[in-house]
Amino acid sequence: MSSSIITSTLVIFLVSSILISFSTPIAATPSSTLIKKACSSTRGGLDLKSCTQLLESQSLVVSVTNLFDLSVGIIKSGISRSTNTLKYVESLLEKSGMDPNLKVALQECKSSYDSVIGSLHSALTEITDKDYETSTYDLLIAGTDNIEVCQNAMTSKGIKDEIILSGNKAIPIFAFSGYQIVESIRESKNTFNVFY
């Protein structure tokens, strides 16, 4: 098989998987209330329906029963999605004879996703260490500064790659919904400490 057929097949598979995950209805789960709380963030203009659909499609999220596990599940899902998008970008960068505009945009996206993954890993470590304030900071950086570099590069160069664009839309959902939950944990800990 030629590399273009393999790449085309990979692209079709990934796009189909993403579309199916957004369109497959999921029955209400015990975590539905927690997911709605995560998606209630006003940061980044989160769309409640898109956020809920994405989080309900994540196996690490749908079975949780508390805020801490939800925050961990969201962040780990964000790391997984970012890593998959980064691998896709890297596979595109390996091709020879690429349009220079595409190459520049892809290099920006590679750098962007490297940063997103770093910020999400930091946030995961910080939530585990109960450093909620720093964790929320890293989640905000992942959902704004880090991913916007890729989005801006794609837009400025007129590149419309559905897999990268889908990743660029998903990362703020993971970051801002994670932020919302970690912030809720932080607030509940502060409230608890006031009374003791």
Protein backbone atom coordinates (compact mmCIF):
# COMPACT_ATOMS: atom_id res chain seq x y z
CA MET A 1 0.00 0.00 0.00
CA SER A 2 1.27 3.44 -0.75
CA SER A 3 1.70 5.91 2.08
CA SER A 4 -1.05 8.16 0.68
CA ILE A 5 -3.58 5.31 0.84
CA ILE A 6 -2.54 4.51 4.40
CA THR A 7 -2.75 8.17 5.38
CA SER A 8 -6.16 8.55 3.70
CA THR A 9 -7.43 5.46 5.47
CA LEU A 10 -6.11 6.76 8.80
CA VAL A 11 -7.77 10.15 8.25
CA ILE A 12 -11.12 8.56 7.33
CA PHE A 13 -10.96 6.27 10.37
CA LEU A 14 -10.11 9.10 12.79
CA VAL A 15 -12.74 11.48 11.43
CA SER A 16 -15.37 8.70 11.49
CA SER A 17 -14.46 7.81 15.07
CA ILE A 18 -14.71 11.43 16.15
CA LEU A 19 -18.06 11.96 14.42
CA ILE A 20 -19.48 8.76 15.89
CA SER A 21 -18.34 9.73 19.40
CA PHE A 22 -20.13 13.07 19.07
CA SER A 23 -23.34 11.61 17.65
CA THR A 24 -23.82 8.41 19.65
CA PRO A 25 -26.44 8.96 22.35
CA ILE A 26 -25.34 7.86 25.78
CA ALA A 27 -27.84 6.84 28.44
CA ALA A 28 -27.89 8.88 31.61
CA THR A 29 -25.22 7.73 34.03
CA PRO A 30 -24.64 8.40 37.71
CA SER A 31 -21.98 10.90 36.65
CA SER A 32 -24.40 12.98 34.52
CA THR A 33 -24.85 15.59 37.25
CA LEU A 34 -21.10 15.85 37.72
CA ILE A 35 -20.54 16.17 33.97
CA LYS A 36 -23.11 18.96 33.75
CA LYS A 37 -21.33 20.71 36.61
CA ALA A 38 -18.04 20.38 34.71
CA CYS A 39 -19.64 21.78 31.57
CA SER A 40 -21.15 24.75 33.40
CA SER A 41 -17.88 26.67 33.13
CA THR A 42 -18.30 30.13 31.68
CA ARG A 43 -14.65 30.20 30.64
CA GLY A 44 -13.82 29.93 26.98
CA GLY A 45 -17.45 30.06 25.89
CA LEU A 46 -18.01 26.35 26.55
CA ASP A 47 -21.04 25.01 24.74
CA LEU A 48 -22.98 22.84 27.22
CA LYS A 49 -24.16 20.35 24.60
CA SER A 50 -20.74 19.84 22.96
CA CYS A 51 -19.04 19.62 26.34
CA THR A 52 -21.55 17.11 27.70
CA GLN A 53 -21.36 14.96 24.57
CA LEU A 54 -17.57 14.91 24.59
CA LEU A 55 -17.24 14.11 28.30
CA GLU A 56 -19.97 11.45 28.18
CA SER A 57 -18.01 9.73 25.41
CA GLN A 58 -14.94 9.35 27.65
CA SER A 59 -14.63 6.05 29.52
CA LEU A 60 -12.50 7.69 32.23
CA VAL A 61 -15.29 10.19 32.92
CA VAL A 62 -18.63 8.37 32.68
CA SER A 63 -18.12 6.06 35.64
CA VAL A 64 -16.94 8.60 38.23
CA THR A 65 -18.89 9.38 41.39
CA ASN A 66 -16.97 12.31 42.90
CA LEU A 67 -15.33 15.57 41.90
CA PHE A 68 -11.75 14.40 42.43
CA ASP A 69 -12.13 11.34 40.18
CA LEU A 70 -13.94 13.48 37.61
CA SER A 71 -11.09 15.99 37.52
CA VAL A 72 -8.56 13.18 37.06
CA GLY A 73 -10.70 11.51 34.36
CA ILE A 74 -11.15 14.76 32.43
CA ILE A 75 -7.45 15.62 32.56
CA LYS A 76 -6.35 12.10 31.58
CA SER A 77 -8.86 12.13 28.70
CA GLY A 78 -7.46 15.50 27.60
CA ILE A 79 -3.93 14.11 27.68
CA SER A 80 -5.01 11.12 25.59
CA ARG A 81 -6.79 13.27 23.01
CA SER A 82 -3.87 15.71 22.81
CA THR A 83 -1.37 12.88 22.42
CA ASN A 84 -3.41 11.33 19.59
CA THR A 85 -3.66 14.66 17.78
CA LEU A 86 0.06 15.29 18.29
CA LYS A 87 0.92 11.87 16.79
CA TYR A 88 -1.26 12.71 13.79
CA VAL A 89 0.48 16.09 13.34
CA GLU A 90 3.89 14.42 13.61
CA SER A 91 2.90 11.85 10.97
CA LEU A 92 1.97 14.67 8.60
CA LEU A 93 5.28 16.43 9.26
CA GLU A 94 7.16 13.30 8.17
CA LYS A 95 5.85 13.63 4.61
CA SER A 96 8.16 15.08 2.01
CA GLY A 97 7.25 17.69 -0.59
CA MET A 98 4.81 19.43 1.74
CA ASP A 99 3.39 22.87 1.01
CA PRO A 100 5.51 25.37 3.01
CA ASN A 101 2.41 27.01 4.56
CA LEU A 102 1.15 23.65 5.76
CA LYS A 103 4.56 22.79 7.21
CA VAL A 104 4.73 26.05 9.17
CA ALA A 105 1.21 25.53 10.54
CA LEU A 106 1.95 21.92 11.46
CA GLN A 107 5.16 22.90 13.25
CA GLU A 108 3.18 25.46 15.25
CA CYS A 109 0.59 22.80 16.06
CA LYS A 110 3.27 20.32 17.13
CA SER A 111 4.70 22.91 19.49
CA SER A 112 1.21 23.77 20.68
CA TYR A 113 0.25 20.19 21.45
CA ASP A 114 3.59 19.56 23.18
CA SER A 115 2.74 22.51 25.45
CA VAL A 116 -0.86 21.39 25.98
CA ILE A 117 0.30 17.92 27.03
CA GLY A 118 2.88 19.43 29.39
CA SER A 119 0.30 21.72 30.99
CA LEU A 120 -2.21 18.87 31.38
CA HIS A 121 0.42 16.59 32.92
CA SER A 122 1.33 19.38 35.36
CA ALA A 123 -2.33 19.91 36.23
CA LEU A 124 -2.77 16.18 36.86
CA THR A 125 0.23 16.07 39.19
CA GLU A 126 -0.97 19.19 40.99
CA ILE A 127 -4.51 17.89 41.52
CA THR A 128 -3.05 14.67 42.91
CA ASP A 129 -0.85 16.76 45.24
CA LYS A 130 -3.92 18.86 46.20
CA ASP A 131 -2.34 22.00 44.74
CA TYR A 132 -5.66 23.11 43.28
CA GLU A 133 -4.75 26.72 42.57
CA THR A 134 -1.74 25.82 40.42
CA SER A 135 -3.72 23.04 38.73
CA THR A 136 -6.42 25.49 37.64
CA TYR A 137 -3.74 27.81 36.27
CA ASP A 138 -2.22 25.01 34.15
CA LEU A 139 -5.67 24.00 32.89
CA LEU A 140 -6.38 27.57 31.80
CA ILE A 141 -3.03 27.77 30.01
CA ALA A 142 -3.73 24.47 28.20
CA GLY A 143 -7.14 25.70 27.04
CA THR A 144 -6.05 29.14 25.92
CA ASP A 145 -2.43 30.10 25.26
CA ASN A 146 -1.24 26.63 24.31
CA ILE A 147 -3.98 25.58 21.89
CA GLU A 148 -4.61 29.03 20.43
CA VAL A 149 -1.16 28.96 18.80
CA CYS A 150 -2.19 25.96 16.70
CA GLN A 151 -5.63 27.34 15.94
CA ASN A 152 -4.20 30.70 14.86
CA ALA A 153 -1.56 29.02 12.67
CA MET A 154 -4.20 26.87 10.96
CA THR A 155 -6.46 29.88 10.39
CA SER A 156 -3.73 32.25 9.17
CA LYS A 157 -2.41 29.69 6.68
CA GLY A 158 -5.90 28.69 5.52
CA ILE A 159 -5.40 25.06 6.57
CA LYS A 160 -8.55 23.02 7.20
CA ASP A 161 -7.58 19.62 8.55
CA GLU A 162 -10.61 18.10 10.31
CA ILE A 163 -8.60 15.97 12.73
CA ILE A 164 -6.48 18.87 13.95
CA LEU A 165 -9.47 21.22 14.06
CA SER A 166 -11.41 18.63 16.06
CA GLY A 167 -8.53 18.34 18.51
CA ASN A 168 -8.35 22.13 18.74
CA LYS A 169 -12.07 22.21 19.66
CA ALA A 170 -11.78 19.35 22.19
CA ILE A 171 -8.80 20.66 24.16
CA PRO A 172 -10.58 23.76 25.54
CA ILE A 173 -13.49 21.53 26.56
CA PHE A 174 -11.19 19.25 28.54
CA ALA A 175 -9.24 22.19 29.97
CA PHE A 176 -12.17 24.41 30.98
CA SER A 177 -14.39 21.60 32.28
CA GLY A 178 -11.40 20.31 34.25
CA TYR A 179 -10.84 23.83 35.54
CA GLN A 180 -14.48 24.04 36.64
CA ILE A 181 -14.23 20.83 38.65
CA VAL A 182 -10.83 21.58 40.22
CA GLU A 183 -12.11 25.05 41.16
CA SER A 184 -15.17 23.40 42.78
CA ILE A 185 -12.87 21.11 44.76
CA ARG A 186 -10.74 24.07 45.83
CA GLU A 187 -13.78 26.07 46.91
CA SER A 188 -15.22 23.14 48.87
CA LYS A 189 -11.87 22.65 50.65
CA ASN A 190 -11.71 26.37 51.51
CA THR A 191 -15.28 26.30 52.83
CA PHE A 192 -14.52 23.20 54.88
CA ASN A 193 -11.37 24.80 56.32
CA VAL A 194 -13.32 27.90 57.39
CA PHE A 195 -15.47 25.80 59.69
CA TYR A 196 -12.57 23.88 61.29
